[in-house]
PDB file of N, CA and C in Angstrom:
ATOM      1  N   MET A   1       0.849  -1.180   0.000  1.00  0.00           N
ATOM      2  CA  MET A   1       0.000   0.000   0.000  1.00  0.00           C
ATOM      3  C   MET A   1       0.891   1.237   0.000  1.00  0.00           C
ATOM      4  N   THR A   2       0.540   2.158  -0.827  1.00  0.00           N
ATOM      5  CA  THR A   2       1.257   3.425  -0.862  1.00  0.00           C
ATOM      6  C   THR A   2       0.557   4.422   0.065  1.00  0.00           C
ATOM      7  N   ALA A   3       1.234   5.491   0.360  1.00  0.00           N
ATOM      8  CA  ALA A   3       0.617   6.538   1.181  1.00  0.00           C
ATOM      9  C   ALA A   3      -0.629   7.082   0.482  1.00  0.00           C
ATOM     10  N   ALA A   4      -0.599   7.148  -0.841  1.00  0.00           N
ATOM     11  CA  ALA A   4      -1.777   7.615  -1.579  1.00  0.00           C
ATOM     12  C   ALA A   4      -2.955   6.651  -1.395  1.00  0.00           C
ATOM     13  N   HIS A   5      -2.672   5.343  -1.386  1.00  0.00           N
ATOM     14  CA  HIS A   5      -3.736   4.363  -1.124  1.00  0.00           C
ATOM     15  C   HIS A   5      -4.317   4.565   0.279  1.00  0.00           C
ATOM     16  N   ARG A   6      -3.414   4.700   1.256  1.00  0.00           N
ATOM     17  CA  ARG A   6      -3.873   4.897   2.637  1.00  0.00           C
ATOM     18  C   ARG A   6      -4.715   6.163   2.742  1.00  0.00           C
ATOM     19  N   ASP A   7      -4.267   7.220   2.114  1.00  0.00           N
ATOM     20  CA  ASP A   7      -5.011   8.472   2.181  1.00  0.00           C
ATOM     21  C   ASP A   7      -6.397   8.320   1.568  1.00  0.00           C
ATOM     22  N   ARG A   8      -6.500   7.562   0.495  1.00  0.00           N
ATOM     23  CA  ARG A   8      -7.812   7.330  -0.131  1.00  0.00           C
ATOM     24  C   ARG A   8      -8.713   6.515   0.791  1.00  0.00           C
ATOM     25  N   VAL A   9      -8.155   5.505   1.437  1.00  0.00           N
ATOM     26  CA  VAL A   9      -8.927   4.718   2.409  1.00  0.00           C
ATOM     27  C   VAL A   9      -9.453   5.638   3.502  1.00  0.00           C
ATOM     28  N   LEU A  10      -8.617   6.534   3.970  1.00  0.00           N
ATOM     29  CA  LEU A  10      -9.030   7.438   5.043  1.00  0.00           C
ATOM     30  C   LEU A  10     -10.057   8.460   4.572  1.00  0.00           C
ATOM     31  N   GLU A  11     -10.057   8.782   3.292  1.00  0.00           N
ATOM     32  CA  GLU A  11     -11.133   9.628   2.764  1.00  0.00           C
ATOM     33  C   GLU A  11     -12.463   8.891   2.836  1.00  0.00           C
ATOM     34  N   LEU A  12     -12.444   7.597   2.573  1.00  0.00           N
ATOM     35  CA  LEU A  12     -13.660   6.786   2.600  1.00  0.00           C
ATOM     36  C   LEU A  12     -14.072   6.403   4.018  1.00  0.00           C
ATOM     37  N   ALA A  13     -13.097   6.303   4.898  1.00  0.00           N
ATOM     38  CA  ALA A  13     -13.370   5.903   6.281  1.00  0.00           C
ATOM     39  C   ALA A  13     -12.612   6.825   7.231  1.00  0.00           C
ATOM     40  N   PRO A  14     -13.029   8.082   7.301  1.00  0.00           N
ATOM     41  CA  PRO A  14     -12.316   9.018   8.178  1.00  0.00           C
ATOM     42  C   PRO A  14     -12.374   8.537   9.624  1.00  0.00           C
ATOM     43  N   GLY A  15     -11.349   8.849  10.335  1.00  0.00           N
ATOM     44  CA  GLY A  15     -11.310   8.451  11.738  1.00  0.00           C
ATOM     45  C   GLY A  15     -10.711   7.075  11.968  1.00  0.00           C
ATOM     46  N   HIS A  16     -10.253   6.417  10.911  1.00  0.00           N
ATOM     47  CA  HIS A  16      -9.697   5.074  11.066  1.00  0.00           C
ATOM     48  C   HIS A  16      -8.175   5.041  10.914  1.00  0.00           C
ATOM     49  N   LEU A  17      -7.531   6.169  11.087  1.00  0.00           N
ATOM     50  CA  LEU A  17      -6.079   6.206  10.965  1.00  0.00           C
ATOM     51  C   LEU A  17      -5.415   5.242  11.942  1.00  0.00           C
ATOM     52  N   LYS A  18      -5.981   5.088  13.127  1.00  0.00           N
ATOM     53  CA  LYS A  18      -5.387   4.199  14.132  1.00  0.00           C
ATOM     54  C   LYS A  18      -5.423   2.730  13.718  1.00  0.00           C
ATOM     55  N   LYS A  19      -6.167   2.429  12.659  1.00  0.00           N
ATOM     56  CA  LYS A  19      -6.281   1.051  12.187  1.00  0.00           C
ATOM     57  C   LYS A  19      -5.761   0.887  10.766  1.00  0.00           C
ATOM     58  N   THR A  20      -5.187   1.927  10.204  1.00  0.00           N
ATOM     59  CA  THR A  20      -4.763   1.906   8.808  1.00  0.00           C
ATOM     60  C   THR A  20      -3.281   2.244   8.733  1.00  0.00           C
ATOM     61  N   PHE A  21      -2.505   1.293   8.207  1.00  0.00           N
ATOM     62  CA  PHE A  21      -1.048   1.440   8.180  1.00  0.00           C
ATOM     63  C   PHE A  21      -0.493   1.101   6.816  1.00  0.00           C
ATOM     64  N   LEU A  22       0.604   1.745   6.481  1.00  0.00           N
ATOM     65  CA  LEU A  22       1.412   1.246   5.384  1.00  0.00           C
ATOM     66  C   LEU A  22       2.044  -0.057   5.866  1.00  0.00           C
ATOM     67  N   LEU A  23       2.253  -0.989   4.969  1.00  0.00           N
ATOM     68  CA  LEU A  23       2.867  -2.253   5.353  1.00  0.00           C
ATOM     69  C   LEU A  23       4.238  -2.011   5.983  1.00  0.00           C
ATOM     70  N   SER A  24       4.979  -1.067   5.438  1.00  0.00           N
ATOM     71  CA  SER A  24       6.312  -0.769   5.982  1.00  0.00           C
ATOM     72  C   SER A  24       6.230  -0.199   7.399  1.00  0.00           C
ATOM     73  N   GLU A  25       5.224   0.635   7.661  1.00  0.00           N
ATOM     74  CA  GLU A  25       5.037   1.175   9.018  1.00  0.00           C
ATOM     75  C   GLU A  25       4.741   0.046   9.996  1.00  0.00           C
ATOM     76  N   ALA A  26       3.767  -0.768   9.644  1.00  0.00           N
ATOM     77  CA  ALA A  26       3.357  -1.850  10.533  1.00  0.00           C
ATOM     78  C   ALA A  26       4.513  -2.811  10.786  1.00  0.00           C
ATOM     79  N   ALA A  27       5.260  -3.144   9.760  1.00  0.00           N
ATOM     80  CA  ALA A  27       6.374  -4.076   9.917  1.00  0.00           C
ATOM     81  C   ALA A  27       7.451  -3.513  10.839  1.00  0.00           C
ATOM     82  N   ARG A  28       7.821  -2.267  10.616  1.00  0.00           N
ATOM     83  CA  ARG A  28       8.868  -1.670  11.444  1.00  0.00           C
ATOM     84  C   ARG A  28       8.414  -1.587  12.902  1.00  0.00           C
ATOM     85  N   LEU A  29       7.198  -1.132  13.111  1.00  0.00           N
ATOM     86  CA  LEU A  29       6.701  -0.981  14.481  1.00  0.00           C
ATOM     87  C   LEU A  29       6.461  -2.326  15.155  1.00  0.00           C
ATOM     88  N   ALA A  30       5.948  -3.299  14.421  1.00  0.00           N
ATOM     89  CA  ALA A  30       5.683  -4.619  15.002  1.00  0.00           C
ATOM     90  C   ALA A  30       6.976  -5.321  15.396  1.00  0.00           C
ATOM     91  N   SER A  31       8.097  -4.893  14.853  1.00  0.00           N
ATOM     92  CA  SER A  31       9.397  -5.482  15.190  1.00  0.00           C
ATOM     93  C   SER A  31       9.895  -5.064  16.570  1.00  0.00           C
ATOM     94  N   ARG A  32       9.292  -4.052  17.132  1.00  0.00           N
ATOM     95  CA  ARG A  32       9.724  -3.549  18.440  1.00  0.00           C
ATOM     96  C   ARG A  32       9.269  -4.491  19.551  1.00  0.00           C
ATOM     97  N   ASP A  33      10.085  -4.616  20.582  1.00  0.00           N
ATOM     98  CA  ASP A  33       9.765  -5.492  21.709  1.00  0.00           C
ATOM     99  C   ASP A  33       8.606  -4.973  22.554  1.00  0.00           C
ATOM    100  N   ASP A  34       8.366  -3.667  22.529  1.00  0.00           N
ATOM    101  CA  ASP A  34       7.342  -3.082  23.392  1.00  0.00           C
ATOM    102  C   ASP A  34       5.964  -2.994  22.733  1.00  0.00           C
ATOM    103  N   VAL A  35       5.794  -3.632  21.588  1.00  0.00           N
ATOM    104  CA  VAL A  35       4.508  -3.587  20.879  1.00  0.00           C
ATOM    105  C   VAL A  35       3.742  -4.877  21.134  1.00  0.00           C
ATOM    106  N   GLU A  36       2.502  -4.707  21.598  1.00  0.00           N
ATOM    107  CA  GLU A  36       1.659  -5.868  21.880  1.00  0.00           C
ATOM    108  C   GLU A  36       0.326  -5.827  21.150  1.00  0.00           C
ATOM    109  N   SER A  37       0.023  -4.719  20.476  1.00  0.00           N
ATOM    110  CA  SER A  37      -1.295  -4.587  19.864  1.00  0.00           C
ATOM    111  C   SER A  37      -1.264  -3.567  18.731  1.00  0.00           C
ATOM    112  N   ILE A  38      -2.358  -3.548  17.968  1.00  0.00           N
ATOM    113  CA  ILE A  38      -2.523  -2.541  16.922  1.00  0.00           C
ATOM    114  C   ILE A  38      -2.543  -1.145  17.543  1.00  0.00           C
ATOM    115  N   ALA A  39      -3.138  -1.032  18.711  1.00  0.00           N
ATOM    116  CA  ALA A  39      -3.164   0.263  19.396  1.00  0.00           C
ATOM    117  C   ALA A  39      -1.742   0.744  19.683  1.00  0.00           C
ATOM    118  N   ASP A  40      -0.849  -0.185  20.020  1.00  0.00           N
ATOM    119  CA  ASP A  40       0.553   0.189  20.232  1.00  0.00           C
ATOM    120  C   ASP A  40       1.180   0.699  18.935  1.00  0.00           C
ATOM    121  N   LEU A  41       0.860   0.046  17.819  1.00  0.00           N
ATOM    122  CA  LEU A  41       1.387   0.513  16.532  1.00  0.00           C
ATOM    123  C   LEU A  41       0.959   1.953  16.277  1.00  0.00           C
ATOM    124  N   ALA A  42      -0.315   2.222  16.512  1.00  0.00           N
ATOM    125  CA  ALA A  42      -0.844   3.570  16.272  1.00  0.00           C
ATOM    126  C   ALA A  42      -0.186   4.590  17.193  1.00  0.00           C
ATOM    127  N   ALA A  43       0.026   4.216  18.440  1.00  0.00           N
ATOM    128  CA  ALA A  43       0.624   5.149  19.398  1.00  0.00           C
ATOM    129  C   ALA A  43       2.076   5.461  19.053  1.00  0.00           C
ATOM    130  N   LEU A  44       2.778   4.483  18.496  1.00  0.00           N
ATOM    131  CA  LEU A  44       4.198   4.663  18.201  1.00  0.00           C
ATOM    132  C   LEU A  44       4.467   5.215  16.805  1.00  0.00           C
ATOM    133  N   ARG A  45       3.469   5.205  15.927  1.00  0.00           N
ATOM    134  CA  ARG A  45       3.670   5.653  14.547  1.00  0.00           C
ATOM    135  C   ARG A  45       4.318   7.034  14.451  1.00  0.00           C
ATOM    136  N   PRO A  46       3.942   8.024  15.276  1.00  0.00           N
ATOM    137  CA  PRO A  46       4.568   9.345  15.142  1.00  0.00           C
ATOM    138  C   PRO A  46       6.083   9.341  15.353  1.00  0.00           C
ATOM    139  N   GLN A  47       6.619   8.280  15.951  1.00  0.00           N
ATOM    140  CA  GLN A  47       8.061   8.205  16.175  1.00  0.00           C
ATOM    141  C   GLN A  47       8.837   7.810  14.912  1.00  0.00           C
ATOM    142  N   LEU A  48       8.126   7.323  13.892  1.00  0.00           N
ATOM    143  CA  LEU A  48       8.800   6.913  12.659  1.00  0.00           C
ATOM    144  C   LEU A  48       9.112   8.123  11.783  1.00  0.00           C
ATOM    145  N   ALA A  49      10.315   8.161  11.298  1.00  0.00           N
ATOM    146  CA  ALA A  49      10.685   9.181  10.320  1.00  0.00           C
ATOM    147  C   ALA A  49      10.110   8.789   8.960  1.00  0.00           C
ATOM    148  N   LEU A  50       9.979   9.738   8.064  1.00  0.00           N
ATOM    149  CA  LEU A  50       9.421   9.447   6.739  1.00  0.00           C
ATOM    150  C   LEU A  50      10.194   8.352   6.009  1.00  0.00           C
ATOM    151  N   HIS A  51      11.515   8.342   6.149  1.00  0.00           N
ATOM    152  CA  HIS A  51      12.302   7.321   5.446  1.00  0.00           C
ATOM    153  C   HIS A  51      12.084   5.927   6.032  1.00  0.00           C
ATOM    154  N   GLU A  52      11.450   5.842   7.204  1.00  0.00           N
ATOM    155  CA  GLU A  52      11.159   4.547   7.824  1.00  0.00           C
ATOM    156  C   GLU A  52       9.788   4.000   7.423  1.00  0.00           C
ATOM    157  N   ARG A  53       9.096   4.694   6.531  1.00  0.00           N
ATOM    158  CA  ARG A  53       7.787   4.250   6.065  1.00  0.00           C
ATOM    159  C   ARG A  53       7.680   4.332   4.545  1.00  0.00           C
ATOM    160  N   PRO A  54       8.558   3.632   3.872  1.00  0.00           N
ATOM    161  CA  PRO A  54       8.498   3.698   2.406  1.00  0.00           C
ATOM    162  C   PRO A  54       7.255   2.996   1.867  1.00  0.00           C
ATOM    163  N   ASP A  55       6.804   3.468   0.735  1.00  0.00           N
ATOM    164  CA  ASP A  55       5.694   2.809   0.046  1.00  0.00           C
ATOM    165  C   ASP A  55       6.156   1.465  -0.506  1.00  0.00           C
ATOM    166  N   VAL A  56       5.247   0.518  -0.550  1.00  0.00           N
ATOM    167  CA  VAL A  56       5.444  -0.682  -1.354  1.00  0.00           C
ATOM    168  C   VAL A  56       4.850  -0.309  -2.712  1.00  0.00           C
ATOM    169  N   ALA A  57       5.629  -0.456  -3.743  1.00  0.00           N
ATOM    170  CA  ALA A  57       5.180  -0.045  -5.072  1.00  0.00           C
ATOM    171  C   ALA A  57       3.888  -0.760  -5.467  1.00  0.00           C
ATOM    172  N   ASP A  58       3.070  -0.078  -6.198  1.00  0.00           N
ATOM    173  CA  ASP A  58       1.846  -0.664  -6.736  1.00  0.00           C
ATOM    174  C   ASP A  58       2.209  -1.307  -8.078  1.00  0.00           C
ATOM    175  N   PRO A  59       2.130  -2.636  -8.183  1.00  0.00           N
ATOM    176  CA  PRO A  59       2.565  -3.294  -9.415  1.00  0.00           C
ATOM    177  C   PRO A  59       1.497  -3.371 -10.513  1.00  0.00           C
ATOM    178  N   ILE A  60       0.304  -2.848 -10.240  1.00  0.00           N
ATOM    179  CA  ILE A  60      -0.773  -2.944 -11.222  1.00  0.00           C
ATOM    180  C   ILE A  60      -0.321  -2.355 -12.562  1.00  0.00           C
ATOM    181  N   GLY A  61      -0.529  -3.131 -13.616  1.00  0.00           N
ATOM    182  CA  GLY A  61      -0.167  -2.695 -14.958  1.00  0.00           C
ATOM    183  C   GLY A  61       1.300  -2.882 -15.300  1.00  0.00           C
ATOM    184  N   GLN A  62       2.057  -3.459 -14.388  1.00  0.00           N
ATOM    185  CA  GLN A  62       3.487  -3.640 -14.610  1.00  0.00           C
ATOM    186  C   GLN A  62       3.777  -5.069 -15.095  1.00  0.00           C
ATOM    187  N   SER A  63       5.010  -5.337 -15.346  1.00  0.00           N
ATOM    188  CA  SER A  63       5.450  -6.642 -15.855  1.00  0.00           C
ATOM    189  C   SER A  63       5.435  -7.696 -14.743  1.00  0.00           C
ATOM    190  N   PRO A  64       5.457  -8.959 -15.123  1.00  0.00           N
ATOM    191  CA  PRO A  64       5.559 -10.024 -14.110  1.00  0.00           C
ATOM    192  C   PRO A  64       6.799  -9.871 -13.226  1.00  0.00           C
ATOM    193  N   GLU A  65       7.862  -9.334 -13.779  1.00  0.00           N
ATOM    194  CA  GLU A  65       9.082  -9.140 -12.993  1.00  0.00           C
ATOM    195  C   GLU A  65       8.849  -8.126 -11.864  1.00  0.00           C
ATOM    196  N   VAL A  66       8.113  -7.061 -12.173  1.00  0.00           N
ATOM    197  CA  VAL A  66       7.804  -6.066 -11.147  1.00  0.00           C
ATOM    198  C   VAL A  66       6.932  -6.702 -10.065  1.00  0.00           C
ATOM    199  N   PHE A  67       5.954  -7.509 -10.477  1.00  0.00           N
ATOM    200  CA  PHE A  67       5.117  -8.210  -9.503  1.00  0.00           C
ATOM    201  C   PHE A  67       5.973  -9.097  -8.603  1.00  0.00           C
ATOM    202  N   ALA A  68       6.965  -9.765  -9.164  1.00  0.00           N
ATOM    203  CA  ALA A  68       7.847 -10.630  -8.377  1.00  0.00           C
ATOM    204  C   ALA A  68       8.653  -9.828  -7.364  1.00  0.00           C
ATOM    205  N   VAL A  69       9.156  -8.689  -7.786  1.00  0.00           N
ATOM    206  CA  VAL A  69       9.932  -7.831  -6.876  1.00  0.00           C
ATOM    207  C   VAL A  69       9.044  -7.320  -5.742  1.00  0.00           C
ATOM    208  N   VAL A  70       7.851  -6.864  -6.079  1.00  0.00           N
ATOM    209  CA  VAL A  70       6.932  -6.358  -5.066  1.00  0.00           C
ATOM    210  C   VAL A  70       6.515  -7.499  -4.137  1.00  0.00           C
ATOM    211  N   GLY A  71       6.266  -8.673  -4.679  1.00  0.00           N
ATOM    212  CA  GLY A  71       5.916  -9.828  -3.852  1.00  0.00           C
ATOM    213  C   GLY A  71       7.016 -10.175  -2.869  1.00  0.00           C
ATOM    214  N   ALA A  72       8.252 -10.111  -3.314  1.00  0.00           N
ATOM    215  CA  ALA A  72       9.388 -10.386  -2.422  1.00  0.00           C
ATOM    216  C   ALA A  72       9.477  -9.338  -1.322  1.00  0.00           C
ATOM    217  N   GLU A  73       9.226  -8.091  -1.674  1.00  0.00           N
ATOM    218  CA  GLU A  73       9.255  -7.022  -0.670  1.00  0.00           C
ATOM    219  C   GLU A  73       8.166  -7.250   0.383  1.00  0.00           C
ATOM    220  N   ILE A  74       6.975  -7.597  -0.070  1.00  0.00           N
ATOM    221  CA  ILE A  74       5.874  -7.866   0.856  1.00  0.00           C
ATOM    222  C   ILE A  74       6.222  -9.049   1.747  1.00  0.00           C
ATOM    223  N   ALA A  75       6.786 -10.107   1.165  1.00  0.00           N
ATOM    224  CA  ALA A  75       7.168 -11.284   1.942  1.00  0.00           C
ATOM    225  C   ALA A  75       8.178 -10.932   3.036  1.00  0.00           C
ATOM    226  N   GLU A  76       9.072 -10.003   2.751  1.00  0.00           N
ATOM    227  CA  GLU A  76      10.049  -9.563   3.764  1.00  0.00           C
ATOM    228  C   GLU A  76       9.388  -8.779   4.893  1.00  0.00           C
ATOM    229  N   LEU A  77       8.351  -8.025   4.566  1.00  0.00           N
ATOM    230  CA  LEU A  77       7.701  -7.161   5.556  1.00  0.00           C
ATOM    231  C   LEU A  77       6.712  -7.912   6.453  1.00  0.00           C
ATOM    232  N   LEU A  78       6.171  -9.013   6.006  1.00  0.00           N
ATOM    233  CA  LEU A  78       5.101  -9.685   6.734  1.00  0.00           C
ATOM    234  C   LEU A  78       5.486 -10.369   8.055  1.00  0.00           C
ATOM    235  N   PRO A  79       6.657 -10.998   8.202  1.00  0.00           N
ATOM    236  CA  PRO A  79       6.905 -11.758   9.425  1.00  0.00           C
ATOM    237  C   PRO A  79       6.669 -11.028  10.747  1.00  0.00           C
ATOM    238  N   PRO A  80       7.144  -9.793  10.952  1.00  0.00           N
ATOM    239  CA  PRO A  80       6.874  -9.168  12.248  1.00  0.00           C
ATOM    240  C   PRO A  80       5.384  -8.865  12.459  1.00  0.00           C
ATOM    241  N   ILE A  81       4.672  -8.597  11.389  1.00  0.00           N
ATOM    242  CA  ILE A  81       3.233  -8.327  11.509  1.00  0.00           C
ATOM    243  C   ILE A  81       2.504  -9.612  11.885  1.00  0.00           C
ATOM    244  N   LEU A  82       2.863 -10.711  11.238  1.00  0.00           N
ATOM    245  CA  LEU A  82       2.246 -11.995  11.562  1.00  0.00           C
ATOM    246  C   LEU A  82       2.560 -12.409  12.994  1.00  0.00           C
ATOM    247  N   GLU A  83       3.787 -12.151  13.418  1.00  0.00           N
ATOM    248  CA  GLU A  83       4.163 -12.471  14.806  1.00  0.00           C
ATOM    249  C   GLU A  83       3.331 -11.654  15.786  1.00  0.00           C
ATOM    250  N   LEU A  84       3.115 -10.395  15.497  1.00  0.00           N
ATOM    251  CA  LEU A  84       2.274  -9.560  16.353  1.00  0.00           C
ATOM    252  C   LEU A  84       0.864 -10.144  16.428  1.00  0.00           C
ATOM    253  N   CYS A  85       0.354 -10.601  15.313  1.00  0.00           N
ATOM    254  CA  CYS A  85      -0.999 -11.182  15.289  1.00  0.00           C
ATOM    255  C   CYS A  85      -1.082 -12.471  16.096  1.00  0.00           C
ATOM    256  N   ARG A  86       0.027 -13.178  16.227  1.00  0.00           N
ATOM    257  CA  ARG A  86       0.053 -14.437  16.991  1.00  0.00           C
ATOM    258  C   ARG A  86       0.165 -14.203  18.502  1.00  0.00           C
ATOM    259  N   ARG A  87       0.634 -13.045  18.908  1.00  0.00           N
ATOM    260  CA  ARG A  87       0.826 -12.782  20.334  1.00  0.00           C
ATOM    261  C   ARG A  87      -0.512 -12.708  21.035  1.00  0.00           C
ATOM    262  N   PRO A  88      -0.581 -13.291  22.230  1.00  0.00           N
ATOM    263  CA  PRO A  88      -1.835 -13.151  22.988  1.00  0.00           C
ATOM    264  C   PRO A  88      -2.049 -11.680  23.352  1.00  0.00           C
ATOM    265  N   ALA A  89      -3.288 -11.285  23.357  1.00  0.00           N
ATOM    266  CA  ALA A  89      -3.608  -9.900  23.742  1.00  0.00           C
ATOM    267  C   ALA A  89      -3.205  -9.685  25.191  1.00  0.00           C
ATOM    268  N   ALA A  90      -2.739  -8.483  25.474  1.00  0.00           N
ATOM    269  CA  ALA A  90      -2.346  -8.151  26.840  1.00  0.00           C
ATOM    270  C   ALA A  90      -3.540  -8.356  27.763  1.00  0.00           C
ATOM    271  N   GLY A  91      -3.317  -9.088  28.847  1.00  0.00           N
ATOM    272  CA  GLY A  91      -4.387  -9.327  29.811  1.00  0.00           C
ATOM    273  C   GLY A  91      -5.265 -10.510  29.472  1.00  0.00           C
ATOM    274  N   ALA A  92      -5.011 -11.175  28.326  1.00  0.00           N
ATOM    275  CA  ALA A  92      -5.821 -12.328  27.961  1.00  0.00           C
ATOM    276  C   ALA A  92      -5.394 -13.537  28.792  1.00  0.00           C
ATOM    277  N   SER A  93      -6.348 -14.349  29.137  1.00  0.00           N
ATOM    278  CA  SER A  93      -6.022 -15.569  29.897  1.00  0.00           C
ATOM    279  C   SER A  93      -5.860 -16.731  28.935  1.00  0.00           C
ATOM    280  N   ASP A  94      -5.113 -17.744  29.374  1.00  0.00           N
ATOM    281  CA  ASP A  94      -4.866 -18.941  28.526  1.00  0.00           C
ATOM    282  C   ASP A  94      -6.083 -19.816  28.458  1.00  0.00           C
TER     283      ASP A  94
END
């Protein structure tokens, strides 16, 4: 998702910034040891510099090679986000 995509989503659903992230933002923030929830991602987002939230290119209309490059980039970004999703919610019982 590019920043332009996120901005369009927020035009359609204003007030949902706390739940809408660039993949690069979410990945970088989810990698932190002190993050336990999406709310934590939203709270920490202002600490990211612009260069720490690059867009993932939109491959629509591009060659299969571009799709492969973008797919590899997405695959690199997903592990910390998936790990965050696997963590039990703070205060949840077993």
